[in-house]
Structure formats: C-alpha cells, structure tokens
Amino acid sequence: MTAPTGNRDGTPLLEAHDVQRRYEAGESTVHALRGVSVAIRRGEFVAIVGASGSGKSTLLHLLGAVDAPDAGRVIFEGRDISRLSDAEATRLRLLRVGLVFQRFYLMPTLSALENVMLPMAEAGLAPAARRARAEELLRYVGLGERTGHRPTQLSGGEQQRVAVARALANEPALLLADEPTGELDAATGAALIALLQRLNADGLTCVLVTHDAALAQSAQRVITMKDGRIVQDTGASPS
C-alpha cells in the first residue's frame, strides 16, 4: 500500500506569499510572522525548526488552513486559501490536508479502526469502503493486529501511528505534523521518523515542525525560523 499523492514534478504544491500574523497579548501585540514567503514543492520532506516563539507552528497552521493570515496569501493546489470560511477550511483539511499533532487527539471511546474510519465517515465514504481503507492503513503503519484496541490499550508510539493513519484516511495531498515525536521516547520517535520517511518515499509531501534534531536531519530540506522570519532555507532557490 502506498500513500496516494500528486506527481513529484517540482511544481509548488503550497506557497505562502508575504504572510503576516499578529496576536494580541494583553496590551501588547505579538508579531508571530513578519512577512514570510515560502514554496513547498510536490514530494518534498521539509522540516521547520527554530526556538519556541519563532513562528514555526504559526506558519504550519497557516499552511494547513487551521488559521488565516492577517496579511499575505497562502496558495494550495493553485487555490488561495487565505480567506476561506470556517466551513470551507474544515472541508479542505478533511479532504486534502492530513494533520498530526504532538498530542494524538484520538477519540478514547473508539477503537484504532474506528478512529481511522472517522474522517472517512465525515467525507461520506460508504461504510464498507472506509473499513477496508482503515484496515489497509493500519497495516501500513504496522498496527494490523491492533485494530480493535482503544487508545488506552496502545503505547504512545502506537497511538501516534494511529493518528498518522487517520491523517491519511482521505488520501491527502499534504501531511502537516506539529512536533510529532514530542511525546515519544527516542526509540519510538525513531520508528515514527522511519514511517514518515516511508510515506514521503511513497510520494506524500510532508512538512513538519520539530525540535527533534534526528527528525530535522531526516528531512530533505530544513527551514530555520527566528523572530517570525525565515533566516535559513536549505532548499531555497538561488536568487
């Protein structure tokens, strides 16, 4: 089984153009992003790194339509997603963007299989088809024997792999992950890194925010942020 994606043709899947994001904190204004521009090509594996407060998670949230910029534009698959309604943004994330977070956000009363099936139910996939795909995805992430287990019966690494399978449920074009190894020990984190590399090798475009040096080193491209700006990009095109 592979993760179905677009071709690795070098064209941008995702672009941010001079995006800015501000937050009010009491009587002061926090400038989380100060005019960031970046293009992510199809098939890339990109790590965004930087100190806490550098703006990396804010950028990831804009790229995934979890949040919207105060200024600038985000273009995904040729579509400006900067000013989507809540319903439009939810639909985009459901069908085209897989999201993985540091905390797994699994439904505790549902089995691994049911957690993976949930996004497909929301997308209107027929019950038999969503069960078959969920089983296939859980086999892909190495949990084919754990489909009936609830989150409390799974280790942290297994829960994160269920979360990855759930993110892949509707065959997204893009996987975004915010500190996916943050709550895992070193060995379990290494196993997750290997899974993410496998997904990318199968063609999935992956953009990750991380403090994990091993995860950053596994990426093909590393974007470093500081004070709301990109200060280094190992994959930037020469000017």
C-alpha atoms as a PDB file:
ATOM      1  CA  MET A   1       0.000   0.000   0.000  1.00  0.00           C
ATOM      2  CA  THR A   2       1.233   3.490  -0.771  1.00  0.00           C
ATOM      3  CA  ALA A   3       0.055   6.946   0.201  1.00  0.00           C
ATOM      4  CA  PRO A   4      -1.576   8.315  -2.981  1.00  0.00           C
ATOM      5  CA  THR A   5      -0.268  11.777  -3.856  1.00  0.00           C
ATOM      6  CA  GLY A   6       0.497  14.087  -6.745  1.00  0.00           C
ATOM      7  CA  ASN A   7       3.472  13.629  -9.008  1.00  0.00           C
ATOM      8  CA  ARG A   8       6.967  14.650  -7.955  1.00  0.00           C
ATOM      9  CA  ASP A   9       7.215  17.196 -10.747  1.00  0.00           C
ATOM     10  CA  GLY A  10       8.945  20.009  -8.866  1.00  0.00           C
ATOM     11  CA  THR A  11       5.956  22.348  -9.105  1.00  0.00           C
ATOM     12  CA  PRO A  12       4.777  24.126  -5.953  1.00  0.00           C
ATOM     13  CA  LEU A  13       2.022  22.337  -4.098  1.00  0.00           C
ATOM     14  CA  LEU A  14       1.861  25.049  -1.482  1.00  0.00           C
ATOM     15  CA  GLU A  15       3.017  28.668  -1.350  1.00  0.00           C
ATOM     16  CA  ALA A  16       2.984  31.430   1.236  1.00  0.00           C
ATOM     17  CA  HIS A  17       3.409  34.975  -0.040  1.00  0.00           C
ATOM     18  CA  ASP A  18       4.477  37.620   2.499  1.00  0.00           C
ATOM     19  CA  VAL A  19       2.222  36.206   5.215  1.00  0.00           C
ATOM     20  CA  GLN A  20       1.886  38.083   8.493  1.00  0.00           C
ATOM     21  CA  ARG A  21       0.172  37.035  11.699  1.00  0.00           C
ATOM     22  CA  ARG A  22      -0.287  39.057  14.855  1.00  0.00           C
ATOM     23  CA  TYR A  23      -1.768  38.171  18.229  1.00  0.00           C
ATOM     24  CA  GLU A  24      -2.931  40.462  20.986  1.00  0.00           C
ATOM     25  CA  ALA A  25      -1.424  39.601  24.374  1.00  0.00           C
ATOM     26  CA  GLY A  26      -2.895  41.918  26.951  1.00  0.00           C
ATOM     27  CA  GLU A  27      -1.860  45.440  25.988  1.00  0.00           C
ATOM     28  CA  SER A  28       0.902  44.285  23.650  1.00  0.00           C
ATOM     29  CA  THR A  29       0.941  42.820  20.144  1.00  0.00           C
ATOM     30  CA  VAL A  30       2.928  39.698  19.324  1.00  0.00           C
ATOM     31  CA  HIS A  31       4.165  39.589  15.727  1.00  0.00           C
ATOM     32  CA  ALA A  32       4.264  35.822  15.204  1.00  0.00           C
ATOM     33  CA  LEU A  33       5.031  36.076  11.474  1.00  0.00           C
ATOM     34  CA  ARG A  34       6.632  39.108   9.869  1.00  0.00           C
ATOM     35  CA  GLY A  35       6.237  38.694   6.129  1.00  0.00           C
ATOM     36  CA  VAL A  36       7.149  35.052   5.411  1.00  0.00           C
ATOM     37  CA  SER A  37       7.316  33.699   1.871  1.00  0.00           C
ATOM     38  CA  VAL A  38       7.994  30.058   1.045  1.00  0.00           C
ATOM     39  CA  ALA A  39       7.124  27.490  -1.625  1.00  0.00           C
ATOM     40  CA  ILE A  40       6.802  23.756  -0.941  1.00  0.00           C
ATOM     41  CA  ARG A  41       7.224  21.501  -3.968  1.00  0.00           C
ATOM     42  CA  ARG A  42       5.298  18.291  -4.529  1.00  0.00           C
ATOM     43  CA  GLY A  43       7.027  15.313  -2.963  1.00  0.00           C
ATOM     44  CA  GLU A  44       9.248  17.295  -0.602  1.00  0.00           C
ATOM     45  CA  PHE A  45      10.024  16.369   3.002  1.00  0.00           C
ATOM     46  CA  VAL A  46      10.506  19.670   4.841  1.00  0.00           C
ATOM     47  CA  ALA A  47      11.358  20.297   8.499  1.00  0.00           C
ATOM     48  CA  ILE A  48      10.682  23.716  10.031  1.00  0.00           C
ATOM     49  CA  VAL A  49      12.890  24.378  13.037  1.00  0.00           C
ATOM     50  CA  GLY A  50      13.583  27.219  15.449  1.00  0.00           C
ATOM     51  CA  ALA A  51      13.323  28.203  19.073  1.00  0.00           C
ATOM     52  CA  SER A  52       9.979  28.349  20.860  1.00  0.00           C
ATOM     53  CA  GLY A  53       8.165  31.504  19.762  1.00  0.00           C
ATOM     54  CA  SER A  54       9.978  31.704  16.434  1.00  0.00           C
ATOM     55  CA  GLY A  55       6.723  31.366  14.465  1.00  0.00           C
ATOM     56  CA  LYS A  56       7.141  27.859  13.110  1.00  0.00           C
ATOM     57  CA  SER A  57       3.857  26.423  14.421  1.00  0.00           C
ATOM     58  CA  THR A  58       2.010  29.565  13.369  1.00  0.00           C
ATOM     59  CA  LEU A  59       3.355  29.126   9.836  1.00  0.00           C
ATOM     60  CA  LEU A  60       2.332  25.464   9.811  1.00  0.00           C
ATOM     61  CA  HIS A  61      -1.195  26.391  10.887  1.00  0.00           C
ATOM     62  CA  LEU A  62      -1.484  28.933   8.066  1.00  0.00           C
ATOM     63  CA  LEU A  63      -0.216  26.387   5.523  1.00  0.00           C
ATOM     64  CA  GLY A  64      -2.889  23.924   6.648  1.00  0.00           C
ATOM     65  CA  ALA A  65      -5.788  26.415   6.809  1.00  0.00           C
ATOM     66  CA  VAL A  66      -6.016  25.881  10.568  1.00  0.00           C
ATOM     67  CA  ASP A  67      -5.563  29.653  10.893  1.00  0.00           C
ATOM     68  CA  ALA A  68      -5.632  32.575   8.458  1.00  0.00           C
ATOM     69  CA  PRO A  69      -3.011  35.305   7.926  1.00  0.00           C
ATOM     70  CA  ASP A  70      -3.628  38.949   8.774  1.00  0.00           C
ATOM     71  CA  ALA A  71      -1.883  39.868   5.535  1.00  0.00           C
ATOM     72  CA  GLY A  72      -0.428  37.994   2.583  1.00  0.00           C
ATOM     73  CA  ARG A  73      -1.712  34.904   0.791  1.00  0.00           C
ATOM     74  CA  VAL A  74      -1.455  31.118   1.067  1.00  0.00           C
ATOM     75  CA  ILE A  75      -1.901  29.189  -2.185  1.00  0.00           C
ATOM     76  CA  PHE A  76      -2.601  25.449  -2.059  1.00  0.00           C
ATOM     77  CA  GLU A  77      -3.014  23.434  -5.248  1.00  0.00           C
ATOM     78  CA  GLY A  78      -3.420  26.699  -7.135  1.00  0.00           C
ATOM     79  CA  ARG A  79      -6.195  27.971  -4.844  1.00  0.00           C
ATOM     80  CA  ASP A  80      -5.975  30.946  -2.498  1.00  0.00           C
ATOM     81  CA  ILE A  81      -6.916  29.509   0.900  1.00  0.00           C
ATOM     82  CA  SER A  82      -6.159  32.660   2.891  1.00  0.00           C
ATOM     83  CA  ARG A  83      -9.742  33.804   3.357  1.00  0.00           C
ATOM     84  CA  LEU A  84     -11.780  30.633   3.474  1.00  0.00           C
ATOM     85  CA  SER A  85     -14.904  30.451   5.580  1.00  0.00           C
ATOM     86  CA  ASP A  86     -14.774  28.105   8.559  1.00  0.00           C
ATOM     87  CA  ALA A  87     -16.812  25.525   6.624  1.00  0.00           C
ATOM     88  CA  GLU A  88     -14.556  25.768   3.569  1.00  0.00           C
ATOM     89  CA  ALA A  89     -11.392  25.461   5.676  1.00  0.00           C
ATOM     90  CA  THR A  90     -12.804  22.442   7.507  1.00  0.00           C
ATOM     91  CA  ARG A  91     -13.644  20.761   4.200  1.00  0.00           C
ATOM     92  CA  LEU A  92     -10.171  21.483   2.808  1.00  0.00           C
ATOM     93  CA  ARG A  93      -8.492  19.957   5.865  1.00  0.00           C
ATOM     94  CA  LEU A  94     -10.803  16.952   5.758  1.00  0.00           C
ATOM     95  CA  LEU A  95     -10.099  16.083   2.138  1.00  0.00           C
ATOM     96  CA  ARG A  96      -6.692  17.482   1.155  1.00  0.00           C
ATOM     97  CA  VAL A  97      -4.550  18.039   4.271  1.00  0.00           C
ATOM     98  CA  GLY A  98      -3.555  15.432   6.846  1.00  0.00           C
ATOM     99  CA  LEU A  99      -2.754  16.862  10.277  1.00  0.00           C
ATOM    100  CA  VAL A 100      -0.697  15.184  13.005  1.00  0.00           C
ATOM    101  CA  PHE A 101      -0.007  16.839  16.350  1.00  0.00           C
ATOM    102  CA  GLN A 102       2.249  16.228  19.352  1.00  0.00           C
ATOM    103  CA  ARG A 103      -0.788  15.046  21.311  1.00  0.00           C
ATOM    104  CA  PHE A 104      -2.608  12.331  19.483  1.00  0.00           C
ATOM    105  CA  TYR A 105      -6.215  13.591  19.841  1.00  0.00           C
ATOM    106  CA  LEU A 106      -7.709  10.146  19.392  1.00  0.00           C
ATOM    107  CA  MET A 107     -11.286   9.515  20.482  1.00  0.00           C
ATOM    108  CA  PRO A 108     -10.850   7.467  23.686  1.00  0.00           C
ATOM    109  CA  THR A 109     -14.106   5.535  23.330  1.00  0.00           C
ATOM    110  CA  LEU A 110     -13.315   4.380  19.775  1.00  0.00           C
ATOM    111  CA  SER A 111     -11.029   1.592  18.636  1.00  0.00           C
ATOM    112  CA  ALA A 112      -7.992   2.247  16.452  1.00  0.00           C
ATOM    113  CA  LEU A 113     -10.029   1.135  13.447  1.00  0.00           C
ATOM    114  CA  GLU A 114     -12.943   3.406  14.330  1.00  0.00           C
ATOM    115  CA  ASN A 115     -10.628   6.385  14.896  1.00  0.00           C
ATOM    116  CA  VAL A 116      -9.162   5.943  11.406  1.00  0.00           C
ATOM    117  CA  MET A 117     -12.606   5.466   9.866  1.00  0.00           C
ATOM    118  CA  LEU A 118     -13.988   8.662  11.400  1.00  0.00           C
ATOM    119  CA  PRO A 119     -12.683  11.184   8.796  1.00  0.00           C
ATOM    120  CA  MET A 120     -13.936   8.940   6.001  1.00  0.00           C
ATOM    121  CA  ALA A 121     -17.406   8.885   7.568  1.00  0.00           C
ATOM    122  CA  GLU A 122     -17.320  12.691   7.684  1.00  0.00           C
ATOM    123  CA  ALA A 123     -16.351  12.712   3.997  1.00  0.00           C
ATOM    124  CA  GLY A 124     -19.305  10.463   3.133  1.00  0.00           C
ATOM    125  CA  LEU A 125     -17.420   7.307   2.156  1.00  0.00           C
ATOM    126  CA  ALA A 126     -19.505   4.144   2.218  1.00  0.00           C
ATOM    127  CA  PRO A 127     -19.098   2.018   5.391  1.00  0.00           C
ATOM    128  CA  ALA A 128     -17.548  -0.995   3.668  1.00  0.00           C
ATOM    129  CA  ALA A 129     -15.046   1.170   1.777  1.00  0.00           C
ATOM    130  CA  ARG A 130     -13.971   3.118   4.839  1.00  0.00           C
ATOM    131  CA  ARG A 131     -13.500  -0.056   6.882  1.00  0.00           C
ATOM    132  CA  ALA A 132     -11.372  -1.614   4.141  1.00  0.00           C
ATOM    133  CA  ARG A 133      -9.214   1.506   3.805  1.00  0.00           C
ATOM    134  CA  ALA A 134      -8.835   1.872   7.585  1.00  0.00           C
ATOM    135  CA  GLU A 135      -7.662  -1.726   7.849  1.00  0.00           C
ATOM    136  CA  GLU A 136      -5.239  -1.157   4.984  1.00  0.00           C
ATOM    137  CA  LEU A 137      -3.857   2.000   6.591  1.00  0.00           C
ATOM    138  CA  LEU A 138      -3.386   0.346   9.969  1.00  0.00           C
ATOM    139  CA  ARG A 139      -1.481  -2.484   8.296  1.00  0.00           C
ATOM    140  CA  TYR A 140       0.632   0.138   6.515  1.00  0.00           C
ATOM    141  CA  VAL A 141       1.651   1.758   9.820  1.00  0.00           C
ATOM    142  CA  GLY A 142       2.322  -1.632  11.415  1.00  0.00           C
ATOM    143  CA  LEU A 143      -0.815  -1.952  13.515  1.00  0.00           C
ATOM    144  CA  GLY A 144      -2.771  -4.554  11.583  1.00  0.00           C
ATOM    145  CA  GLU A 145      -3.089  -6.665  14.729  1.00  0.00           C
ATOM    146  CA  ARG A 146      -4.254  -3.759  16.928  1.00  0.00           C
ATOM    147  CA  THR A 147      -7.347  -2.596  15.054  1.00  0.00           C
ATOM    148  CA  GLY A 148      -9.746  -3.371  17.904  1.00  0.00           C
ATOM    149  CA  HIS A 149      -7.691  -1.706  20.650  1.00  0.00           C
ATOM    150  CA  ARG A 150      -8.744   1.591  22.183  1.00  0.00           C
ATOM    151  CA  PRO A 151      -6.148   4.353  22.718  1.00  0.00           C
ATOM    152  CA  THR A 152      -5.659   3.463  26.400  1.00  0.00           C
ATOM    153  CA  GLN A 153      -4.644  -0.033  25.319  1.00  0.00           C
ATOM    154  CA  LEU A 154      -1.940   1.293  22.988  1.00  0.00           C
ATOM    155  CA  SER A 155       1.528   2.683  23.685  1.00  0.00           C
ATOM    156  CA  GLY A 156       2.347   6.294  22.874  1.00  0.00           C
ATOM    157  CA  GLY A 157       4.099   5.278  19.674  1.00  0.00           C
ATOM    158  CA  GLU A 158       1.154   3.127  18.619  1.00  0.00           C
ATOM    159  CA  GLN A 159      -1.268   5.969  19.311  1.00  0.00           C
ATOM    160  CA  GLN A 160       0.814   8.310  17.172  1.00  0.00           C
ATOM    161  CA  ARG A 161       0.831   5.766  14.345  1.00  0.00           C
ATOM    162  CA  VAL A 162      -2.972   5.552  14.584  1.00  0.00           C
ATOM    163  CA  ALA A 163      -3.011   9.358  14.358  1.00  0.00           C
ATOM    164  CA  VAL A 164      -0.851   9.174  11.212  1.00  0.00           C
ATOM    165  CA  ALA A 165      -3.166   6.556   9.696  1.00  0.00           C
ATOM    166  CA  ARG A 166      -6.158   8.762  10.496  1.00  0.00           C
ATOM    167  CA  ALA A 167      -4.422  11.731   8.825  1.00  0.00           C
ATOM    168  CA  LEU A 168      -4.063   9.626   5.664  1.00  0.00           C
ATOM    169  CA  ALA A 169      -7.664   8.430   5.655  1.00  0.00           C
ATOM    170  CA  ASN A 170      -8.965  10.661   2.854  1.00  0.00           C
ATOM    171  CA  GLU A 171      -5.813  10.434   0.706  1.00  0.00           C
ATOM    172  CA  PRO A 172      -4.500  13.972   1.341  1.00  0.00           C
ATOM    173  CA  ALA A 173      -2.045  15.727  -0.929  1.00  0.00           C
ATOM    174  CA  LEU A 174      -0.149  17.104   2.078  1.00  0.00           C
ATOM    175  CA  LEU A 175       0.801  15.869   5.545  1.00  0.00           C
ATOM    176  CA  LEU A 176       1.489  18.529   8.177  1.00  0.00           C
ATOM    177  CA  ALA A 177       2.877  17.471  11.554  1.00  0.00           C
ATOM    178  CA  ASP A 178       3.498  19.679  14.601  1.00  0.00           C
ATOM    179  CA  GLU A 179       6.102  18.130  16.934  1.00  0.00           C
ATOM    180  CA  PRO A 180       5.026  14.550  16.054  1.00  0.00           C
ATOM    181  CA  THR A 181       7.807  12.978  18.158  1.00  0.00           C
ATOM    182  CA  GLY A 182       7.443  15.413  21.064  1.00  0.00           C
ATOM    183  CA  GLU A 183       5.812  12.917  23.458  1.00  0.00           C
ATOM    184  CA  LEU A 184       7.746   9.834  22.313  1.00  0.00           C
ATOM    185  CA  ASP A 185      10.939   8.320  23.651  1.00  0.00           C
ATOM    186  CA  ALA A 186      13.997   8.164  21.408  1.00  0.00           C
ATOM    187  CA  ALA A 187      13.449   4.638  20.080  1.00  0.00           C
ATOM    188  CA  THR A 188       9.743   5.169  19.431  1.00  0.00           C
ATOM    189  CA  GLY A 189      10.479   8.535  17.844  1.00  0.00           C
ATOM    190  CA  ALA A 190      12.993   6.872  15.526  1.00  0.00           C
ATOM    191  CA  ALA A 191      10.324   4.386  14.431  1.00  0.00           C
ATOM    192  CA  LEU A 192       7.930   7.243  13.668  1.00  0.00           C
ATOM    193  CA  ILE A 193      10.636   9.054  11.689  1.00  0.00           C
ATOM    194  CA  ALA A 194      11.130   5.906   9.625  1.00  0.00           C
ATOM    195  CA  LEU A 195       7.377   5.790   8.959  1.00  0.00           C
ATOM    196  CA  LEU A 196       7.323   9.429   7.842  1.00  0.00           C
ATOM    197  CA  GLN A 197      10.280   8.782   5.542  1.00  0.00           C
ATOM    198  CA  ARG A 198       8.438   5.816   4.070  1.00  0.00           C
ATOM    199  CA  LEU A 199       5.352   7.956   3.461  1.00  0.00           C
ATOM    200  CA  ASN A 200       7.481  10.531   1.703  1.00  0.00           C
ATOM    201  CA  ALA A 201       9.237   7.857  -0.358  1.00  0.00           C
ATOM    202  CA  ASP A 202       5.768   6.730  -1.454  1.00  0.00           C
ATOM    203  CA  GLY A 203       5.160  10.260  -2.755  1.00  0.00           C
ATOM    204  CA  LEU A 204       3.486  12.157   0.086  1.00  0.00           C
ATOM    205  CA  THR A 205       4.517  15.784   0.599  1.00  0.00           C
ATOM    206  CA  CYS A 206       5.424  16.203   4.280  1.00  0.00           C
ATOM    207  CA  VAL A 207       6.005  19.433   6.225  1.00  0.00           C
ATOM    208  CA  LEU A 208       6.953  19.049   9.881  1.00  0.00           C
ATOM    209  CA  VAL A 209       7.608  21.407  12.767  1.00  0.00           C
ATOM    210  CA  THR A 210      10.092  19.920  15.202  1.00  0.00           C
ATOM    211  CA  HIS A 211      12.625  20.428  17.972  1.00  0.00           C
ATOM    212  CA  ASP A 212      13.849  16.878  17.329  1.00  0.00           C
ATOM    213  CA  ALA A 213      17.325  17.034  15.768  1.00  0.00           C
ATOM    214  CA  ALA A 214      17.023  13.487  14.407  1.00  0.00           C
ATOM    215  CA  LEU A 215      13.732  14.292  12.697  1.00  0.00           C
ATOM    216  CA  ALA A 216      15.126  17.510  11.223  1.00  0.00           C
ATOM    217  CA  GLN A 217      18.172  15.648   9.917  1.00  0.00           C
ATOM    218  CA  SER A 218      15.916  13.103   8.215  1.00  0.00           C
ATOM    219  CA  ALA A 219      14.273  15.823   6.112  1.00  0.00           C
ATOM    220  CA  GLN A 220      15.433  16.716   2.622  1.00  0.00           C
ATOM    221  CA  ARG A 221      15.029  20.406   3.370  1.00  0.00           C
ATOM    222  CA  VAL A 222      15.274  22.394   6.597  1.00  0.00           C
ATOM    223  CA  ILE A 223      13.722  25.824   7.106  1.00  0.00           C
ATOM    224  CA  THR A 224      15.002  27.715  10.156  1.00  0.00           C
ATOM    225  CA  MET A 225      12.884  30.455  11.706  1.00  0.00           C
ATOM    226  CA  LYS A 226      13.684  33.207  14.172  1.00  0.00           C
ATOM    227  CA  ASP A 227      11.514  36.066  15.429  1.00  0.00           C
ATOM    228  CA  GLY A 228       8.772  35.425  12.891  1.00  0.00           C
ATOM    229  CA  ARG A 229      11.035  35.252   9.861  1.00  0.00           C
ATOM    230  CA  ILE A 230      12.797  32.581   7.821  1.00  0.00           C
ATOM    231  CA  VAL A 231      16.527  33.017   8.432  1.00  0.00           C
ATOM    232  CA  GLN A 232      17.767  29.939   6.566  1.00  0.00           C
ATOM    233  CA  ASP A 233      16.288  27.580   3.985  1.00  0.00           C
ATOM    234  CA  THR A 234      18.415  24.722   2.683  1.00  0.00           C
ATOM    235  CA  GLY A 235      16.065  24.231  -0.263  1.00  0.00           C
ATOM    236  CA  ALA A 236      15.530  27.835  -1.328  1.00  0.00           C
ATOM    237  CA  SER A 237      16.090  28.595  -4.995  1.00  0.00           C
ATOM    238  CA  PRO A 238      19.064  30.869  -5.681  1.00  0.00           C
ATOM    239  CA  SER A 239      18.110  34.451  -6.440  1.00  0.00           C
END
